[in-house]
Amino acid sequence: MGTPQRHFEAYLAQPGWLGDALGALETQTGVNRSYLATGFLGFVGLYLMFGYGASLICNLIGFLYPAYVSIRAIESPAKEDDTTWLTYWVVYGMFSVVEFFSDTFLYWFPFYYAGKCLFLLWCMAPFSWNGSQVLYRSLIRPWFLKHHQTVDSVLSDLTGRAASVASAASREGVLPRSLQAED
């Protein structure tokens, strides 16, 4: 099977943008690619703990890569990758809502952004027991299955009300001409 260090080194040696970039940097500097990657990860980790703008860096880590692979998943013919990344975005959205209401308190915890970044990395990790799958299966899916009919009913009612308000506003001339329904 191998040690985590061997898995890490094998991952860094794979062809692709990361392996190619590290190979070029290794050639130019003479420093082993695993040391370069470890140094970079250490720098980012320390920055997340002590740096200014750690919130932005953490949110970029939690957004940029998942957005990129989500677009690739949309463009691929396979369905499994779509499900994987939709699950990530559901968990990310739920986490963002919870974080919004608790941010005032969480912000004061030491190393909060480092912990948040580790959580987001766990949620997007490329294995079957990643955070998105675990949280979706254990918390979100059971809640959804229990309450989805009520939520569907409320959403249907809200959609109907919004349509009737828009129709009434259109008839009374409140909406701009470009938004009014053509008769």
C-alpha atoms as a PDB file:
ATOM      1  CA  MET A   1       0.000   0.000   0.000  1.00  0.00           C
ATOM      2  CA  GLY A   2       2.626   2.568   0.982  1.00  0.00           C
ATOM      3  CA  THR A   3       3.081   5.380   3.387  1.00  0.00           C
ATOM      4  CA  PRO A   4       1.289   8.724   3.147  1.00  0.00           C
ATOM      5  CA  GLN A   5       4.602  10.256   2.115  1.00  0.00           C
ATOM      6  CA  ARG A   6       4.876   7.883  -0.860  1.00  0.00           C
ATOM      7  CA  HIS A   7       1.277   8.645  -1.865  1.00  0.00           C
ATOM      8  CA  PHE A   8       2.048  12.362  -1.630  1.00  0.00           C
ATOM      9  CA  GLU A   9       5.203  12.013  -3.742  1.00  0.00           C
ATOM     10  CA  ALA A  10       3.383   9.836  -6.304  1.00  0.00           C
ATOM     11  CA  TYR A  11       0.615  12.440  -6.545  1.00  0.00           C
ATOM     12  CA  LEU A  12       3.155  15.217  -7.119  1.00  0.00           C
ATOM     13  CA  ALA A  13       4.882  13.167  -9.844  1.00  0.00           C
ATOM     14  CA  GLN A  14       1.701  12.615 -11.881  1.00  0.00           C
ATOM     15  CA  PRO A  15       1.578  14.374 -15.240  1.00  0.00           C
ATOM     16  CA  GLY A  16      -0.689  17.390 -15.348  1.00  0.00           C
ATOM     17  CA  TRP A  17      -0.500  21.056 -14.516  1.00  0.00           C
ATOM     18  CA  LEU A  18       0.687  20.493 -10.924  1.00  0.00           C
ATOM     19  CA  GLY A  19       3.252  17.803 -11.721  1.00  0.00           C
ATOM     20  CA  ASP A  20       4.553  19.736 -14.719  1.00  0.00           C
ATOM     21  CA  ALA A  21       4.844  22.999 -12.773  1.00  0.00           C
ATOM     22  CA  LEU A  22       6.600  21.302  -9.871  1.00  0.00           C
ATOM     23  CA  GLY A  23       8.914  19.474 -12.309  1.00  0.00           C
ATOM     24  CA  ALA A  24       9.915  22.743 -13.965  1.00  0.00           C
ATOM     25  CA  LEU A  25      10.439  24.414 -10.593  1.00  0.00           C
ATOM     26  CA  GLU A  26      12.438  21.415  -9.375  1.00  0.00           C
ATOM     27  CA  THR A  27      14.671  21.620 -12.458  1.00  0.00           C
ATOM     28  CA  GLN A  28      15.256  25.361 -12.055  1.00  0.00           C
ATOM     29  CA  THR A  29      15.918  25.339  -8.310  1.00  0.00           C
ATOM     30  CA  GLY A  30      17.380  21.885  -7.717  1.00  0.00           C
ATOM     31  CA  VAL A  31      14.998  21.458  -4.758  1.00  0.00           C
ATOM     32  CA  ASN A  32      12.972  18.244  -4.557  1.00  0.00           C
ATOM     33  CA  ARG A  33       9.327  18.762  -5.631  1.00  0.00           C
ATOM     34  CA  SER A  34       8.003  17.248  -2.398  1.00  0.00           C
ATOM     35  CA  TYR A  35       9.957  19.874  -0.415  1.00  0.00           C
ATOM     36  CA  LEU A  36       8.617  22.631  -2.668  1.00  0.00           C
ATOM     37  CA  ALA A  37       5.027  21.431  -2.236  1.00  0.00           C
ATOM     38  CA  THR A  38       5.427  20.939   1.515  1.00  0.00           C
ATOM     39  CA  GLY A  39       6.921  24.418   1.863  1.00  0.00           C
ATOM     40  CA  PHE A  40       4.069  25.952  -0.121  1.00  0.00           C
ATOM     41  CA  LEU A  41       1.437  24.087   1.916  1.00  0.00           C
ATOM     42  CA  GLY A  42       3.198  25.132   5.123  1.00  0.00           C
ATOM     43  CA  PHE A  43       3.228  28.770   4.006  1.00  0.00           C
ATOM     44  CA  VAL A  44      -0.482  28.675   3.134  1.00  0.00           C
ATOM     45  CA  GLY A  45      -1.263  26.974   6.454  1.00  0.00           C
ATOM     46  CA  LEU A  46       0.642  29.599   8.440  1.00  0.00           C
ATOM     47  CA  TYR A  47      -0.963  32.372   6.411  1.00  0.00           C
ATOM     48  CA  LEU A  48      -4.402  30.951   7.178  1.00  0.00           C
ATOM     49  CA  MET A  49      -3.536  31.013  10.877  1.00  0.00           C
ATOM     50  CA  PHE A  50      -1.858  34.398  11.118  1.00  0.00           C
ATOM     51  CA  GLY A  51      -2.165  36.292   7.824  1.00  0.00           C
ATOM     52  CA  TYR A  52      -4.287  39.230   6.853  1.00  0.00           C
ATOM     53  CA  GLY A  53      -7.049  38.245   4.451  1.00  0.00           C
ATOM     54  CA  ALA A  54      -7.151  34.605   5.575  1.00  0.00           C
ATOM     55  CA  SER A  55     -10.909  34.632   4.998  1.00  0.00           C
ATOM     56  CA  LEU A  56     -10.421  35.437   1.305  1.00  0.00           C
ATOM     57  CA  ILE A  57      -7.740  32.779   0.852  1.00  0.00           C
ATOM     58  CA  CYS A  58      -9.895  30.177   2.599  1.00  0.00           C
ATOM     59  CA  ASN A  59     -12.950  31.028   0.516  1.00  0.00           C
ATOM     60  CA  LEU A  60     -10.914  30.922  -2.695  1.00  0.00           C
ATOM     61  CA  ILE A  61      -9.624  27.462  -1.777  1.00  0.00           C
ATOM     62  CA  GLY A  62     -13.178  26.323  -1.062  1.00  0.00           C
ATOM     63  CA  PHE A  63     -14.519  27.830  -4.302  1.00  0.00           C
ATOM     64  CA  LEU A  64     -12.014  27.935  -7.178  1.00  0.00           C
ATOM     65  CA  TYR A  65     -11.048  24.269  -7.519  1.00  0.00           C
ATOM     66  CA  PRO A  66     -14.591  22.972  -6.918  1.00  0.00           C
ATOM     67  CA  ALA A  67     -15.970  25.474  -9.447  1.00  0.00           C
ATOM     68  CA  TYR A  68     -13.421  24.383 -12.041  1.00  0.00           C
ATOM     69  CA  VAL A  69     -14.062  20.647 -11.607  1.00  0.00           C
ATOM     70  CA  SER A  70     -17.819  21.296 -11.488  1.00  0.00           C
ATOM     71  CA  ILE A  71     -17.646  22.906 -14.919  1.00  0.00           C
ATOM     72  CA  ARG A  72     -15.574  19.958 -16.152  1.00  0.00           C
ATOM     73  CA  ALA A  73     -18.195  17.605 -14.671  1.00  0.00           C
ATOM     74  CA  ILE A  74     -20.999  19.449 -16.453  1.00  0.00           C
ATOM     75  CA  GLU A  75     -19.132  19.147 -19.746  1.00  0.00           C
ATOM     76  CA  SER A  76     -18.349  15.431 -19.300  1.00  0.00           C
ATOM     77  CA  PRO A  77     -20.828  12.736 -20.325  1.00  0.00           C
ATOM     78  CA  ALA A  78     -20.503  10.876 -16.980  1.00  0.00           C
ATOM     79  CA  LYS A  79     -23.178  11.402 -14.322  1.00  0.00           C
ATOM     80  CA  GLU A  80     -21.158  10.311 -11.264  1.00  0.00           C
ATOM     81  CA  ASP A  81     -18.944  13.398 -11.238  1.00  0.00           C
ATOM     82  CA  ASP A  82     -22.025  15.631 -11.495  1.00  0.00           C
ATOM     83  CA  THR A  83     -23.507  14.007  -8.399  1.00  0.00           C
ATOM     84  CA  THR A  84     -20.214  14.302  -6.516  1.00  0.00           C
ATOM     85  CA  TRP A  85     -19.905  18.032  -7.135  1.00  0.00           C
ATOM     86  CA  LEU A  86     -23.606  18.790  -6.655  1.00  0.00           C
ATOM     87  CA  THR A  87     -23.280  17.147  -3.251  1.00  0.00           C
ATOM     88  CA  TYR A  88     -20.263  19.352  -2.486  1.00  0.00           C
ATOM     89  CA  TRP A  89     -22.183  22.517  -3.422  1.00  0.00           C
ATOM     90  CA  VAL A  90     -25.184  21.534  -1.277  1.00  0.00           C
ATOM     91  CA  VAL A  91     -22.900  21.031   1.730  1.00  0.00           C
ATOM     92  CA  TYR A  92     -20.944  24.206   0.915  1.00  0.00           C
ATOM     93  CA  GLY A  93     -24.183  26.189   0.731  1.00  0.00           C
ATOM     94  CA  MET A  94     -25.481  24.786   4.022  1.00  0.00           C
ATOM     95  CA  PHE A  95     -22.120  25.479   5.654  1.00  0.00           C
ATOM     96  CA  SER A  96     -22.158  29.055   4.320  1.00  0.00           C
ATOM     97  CA  VAL A  97     -25.619  29.696   5.776  1.00  0.00           C
ATOM     98  CA  VAL A  98     -24.645  28.281   9.178  1.00  0.00           C
ATOM     99  CA  GLU A  99     -21.382  30.221   9.082  1.00  0.00           C
ATOM    100  CA  PHE A 100     -23.226  33.464   8.290  1.00  0.00           C
ATOM    101  CA  PHE A 101     -25.218  33.230  11.505  1.00  0.00           C
ATOM    102  CA  SER A 102     -22.332  32.063  13.668  1.00  0.00           C
ATOM    103  CA  ASP A 103     -19.507  34.078  12.100  1.00  0.00           C
ATOM    104  CA  THR A 104     -19.568  36.701  14.854  1.00  0.00           C
ATOM    105  CA  PHE A 105     -18.619  34.037  17.372  1.00  0.00           C
ATOM    106  CA  LEU A 106     -16.468  31.776  15.204  1.00  0.00           C
ATOM    107  CA  TYR A 107     -14.259  34.604  14.015  1.00  0.00           C
ATOM    108  CA  TRP A 108     -12.766  34.903  17.493  1.00  0.00           C
ATOM    109  CA  PHE A 109     -11.602  31.284  17.649  1.00  0.00           C
ATOM    110  CA  PRO A 110      -7.874  30.954  17.074  1.00  0.00           C
ATOM    111  CA  PHE A 111      -7.002  29.337  13.759  1.00  0.00           C
ATOM    112  CA  TYR A 112     -10.636  29.402  12.622  1.00  0.00           C
ATOM    113  CA  TYR A 113      -9.780  29.907   8.958  1.00  0.00           C
ATOM    114  CA  ALA A 114      -7.190  27.109   9.001  1.00  0.00           C
ATOM    115  CA  GLY A 115      -9.861  24.803  10.442  1.00  0.00           C
ATOM    116  CA  LYS A 116     -12.442  25.999   7.926  1.00  0.00           C
ATOM    117  CA  CYS A 117     -10.003  25.413   5.084  1.00  0.00           C
ATOM    118  CA  LEU A 118      -9.261  21.883   6.332  1.00  0.00           C
ATOM    119  CA  PHE A 119     -13.010  21.255   6.543  1.00  0.00           C
ATOM    120  CA  LEU A 120     -13.533  22.445   2.953  1.00  0.00           C
ATOM    121  CA  LEU A 121     -10.594  20.343   1.744  1.00  0.00           C
ATOM    122  CA  TRP A 122     -12.130  17.312   3.475  1.00  0.00           C
ATOM    123  CA  CYS A 123     -15.435  18.080   1.747  1.00  0.00           C
ATOM    124  CA  MET A 124     -13.799  18.069  -1.694  1.00  0.00           C
ATOM    125  CA  ALA A 125     -11.330  15.233  -1.091  1.00  0.00           C
ATOM    126  CA  PRO A 126     -11.257  12.569  -3.810  1.00  0.00           C
ATOM    127  CA  PHE A 127     -12.440   9.603  -1.763  1.00  0.00           C
ATOM    128  CA  SER A 128     -15.842   8.116  -0.973  1.00  0.00           C
ATOM    129  CA  TRP A 129     -15.910   9.152   2.711  1.00  0.00           C
ATOM    130  CA  ASN A 130     -15.160  12.819   2.092  1.00  0.00           C
ATOM    131  CA  GLY A 131     -16.973  15.469   4.111  1.00  0.00           C
ATOM    132  CA  SER A 132     -19.609  16.209   1.506  1.00  0.00           C
ATOM    133  CA  GLN A 133     -20.695  12.582   1.256  1.00  0.00           C
ATOM    134  CA  VAL A 134     -20.638  12.015   5.020  1.00  0.00           C
ATOM    135  CA  LEU A 135     -22.589  15.177   5.861  1.00  0.00           C
ATOM    136  CA  TYR A 136     -25.065  14.708   3.023  1.00  0.00           C
ATOM    137  CA  ARG A 137     -25.818  11.085   3.912  1.00  0.00           C
ATOM    138  CA  SER A 138     -25.951  11.566   7.673  1.00  0.00           C
ATOM    139  CA  LEU A 139     -27.590  15.005   8.058  1.00  0.00           C
ATOM    140  CA  ILE A 140     -28.910  16.668   4.909  1.00  0.00           C
ATOM    141  CA  ARG A 141     -30.537  13.725   3.117  1.00  0.00           C
ATOM    142  CA  PRO A 142     -32.486  12.457   6.166  1.00  0.00           C
ATOM    143  CA  TRP A 143     -33.746  15.989   6.883  1.00  0.00           C
ATOM    144  CA  PHE A 144     -34.683  16.469   3.224  1.00  0.00           C
ATOM    145  CA  LEU A 145     -36.561  13.163   3.008  1.00  0.00           C
ATOM    146  CA  LYS A 146     -38.490  14.040   6.157  1.00  0.00           C
ATOM    147  CA  HIS A 147     -39.421  17.603   5.151  1.00  0.00           C
ATOM    148  CA  HIS A 148     -39.319  17.866   1.342  1.00  0.00           C
ATOM    149  CA  GLN A 149     -43.110  17.720   0.865  1.00  0.00           C
ATOM    150  CA  THR A 150     -43.627  20.652   3.239  1.00  0.00           C
ATOM    151  CA  VAL A 151     -40.868  22.642   1.545  1.00  0.00           C
ATOM    152  CA  ASP A 152     -42.311  21.820  -1.911  1.00  0.00           C
ATOM    153  CA  SER A 153     -45.741  23.016  -0.759  1.00  0.00           C
ATOM    154  CA  VAL A 154     -44.364  26.295   0.611  1.00  0.00           C
ATOM    155  CA  LEU A 155     -42.313  26.900  -2.548  1.00  0.00           C
ATOM    156  CA  SER A 156     -45.331  26.174  -4.757  1.00  0.00           C
ATOM    157  CA  ASP A 157     -47.438  28.599  -2.722  1.00  0.00           C
ATOM    158  CA  LEU A 158     -44.732  31.290  -2.918  1.00  0.00           C
ATOM    159  CA  THR A 159     -44.350  30.771  -6.666  1.00  0.00           C
ATOM    160  CA  GLY A 160     -48.102  31.159  -7.156  1.00  0.00           C
ATOM    161  CA  ARG A 161     -48.197  34.318  -5.056  1.00  0.00           C
ATOM    162  CA  ALA A 162     -45.206  35.813  -6.875  1.00  0.00           C
ATOM    163  CA  ALA A 163     -46.841  35.098 -10.230  1.00  0.00           C
ATOM    164  CA  SER A 164     -50.118  36.729  -9.168  1.00  0.00           C
ATOM    165  CA  VAL A 165     -48.297  39.809  -7.806  1.00  0.00           C
ATOM    166  CA  ALA A 166     -46.311  40.111 -11.043  1.00  0.00           C
ATOM    167  CA  SER A 167     -49.495  39.725 -13.096  1.00  0.00           C
ATOM    168  CA  ALA A 168     -51.331  42.369 -11.042  1.00  0.00           C
ATOM    169  CA  ALA A 169     -48.364  44.753 -11.268  1.00  0.00           C
ATOM    170  CA  SER A 170     -48.191  44.212 -15.012  1.00  0.00           C
ATOM    171  CA  ARG A 171     -51.915  44.950 -15.454  1.00  0.00           C
ATOM    172  CA  GLU A 172     -51.656  48.125 -13.380  1.00  0.00           C
ATOM    173  CA  GLY A 173     -48.629  49.355 -15.306  1.00  0.00           C
ATOM    174  CA  VAL A 174     -46.205  49.239 -12.396  1.00  0.00           C
ATOM    175  CA  LEU A 175     -43.658  47.120 -14.257  1.00  0.00           C
ATOM    176  CA  PRO A 176     -41.581  48.584 -17.074  1.00  0.00           C
ATOM    177  CA  ARG A 177     -42.949  47.829 -20.538  1.00  0.00           C
ATOM    178  CA  SER A 178     -40.072  45.399 -21.266  1.00  0.00           C
ATOM    179  CA  LEU A 179     -41.071  43.182 -18.284  1.00  0.00           C
ATOM    180  CA  GLN A 180     -44.813  43.147 -18.953  1.00  0.00           C
ATOM    181  CA  ALA A 181     -46.307  40.013 -20.466  1.00  0.00           C
ATOM    182  CA  GLU A 182     -47.397  40.433 -24.047  1.00  0.00           C
ATOM    183  CA  ASP A 183     -51.124  39.866 -24.612  1.00  0.00           C
END
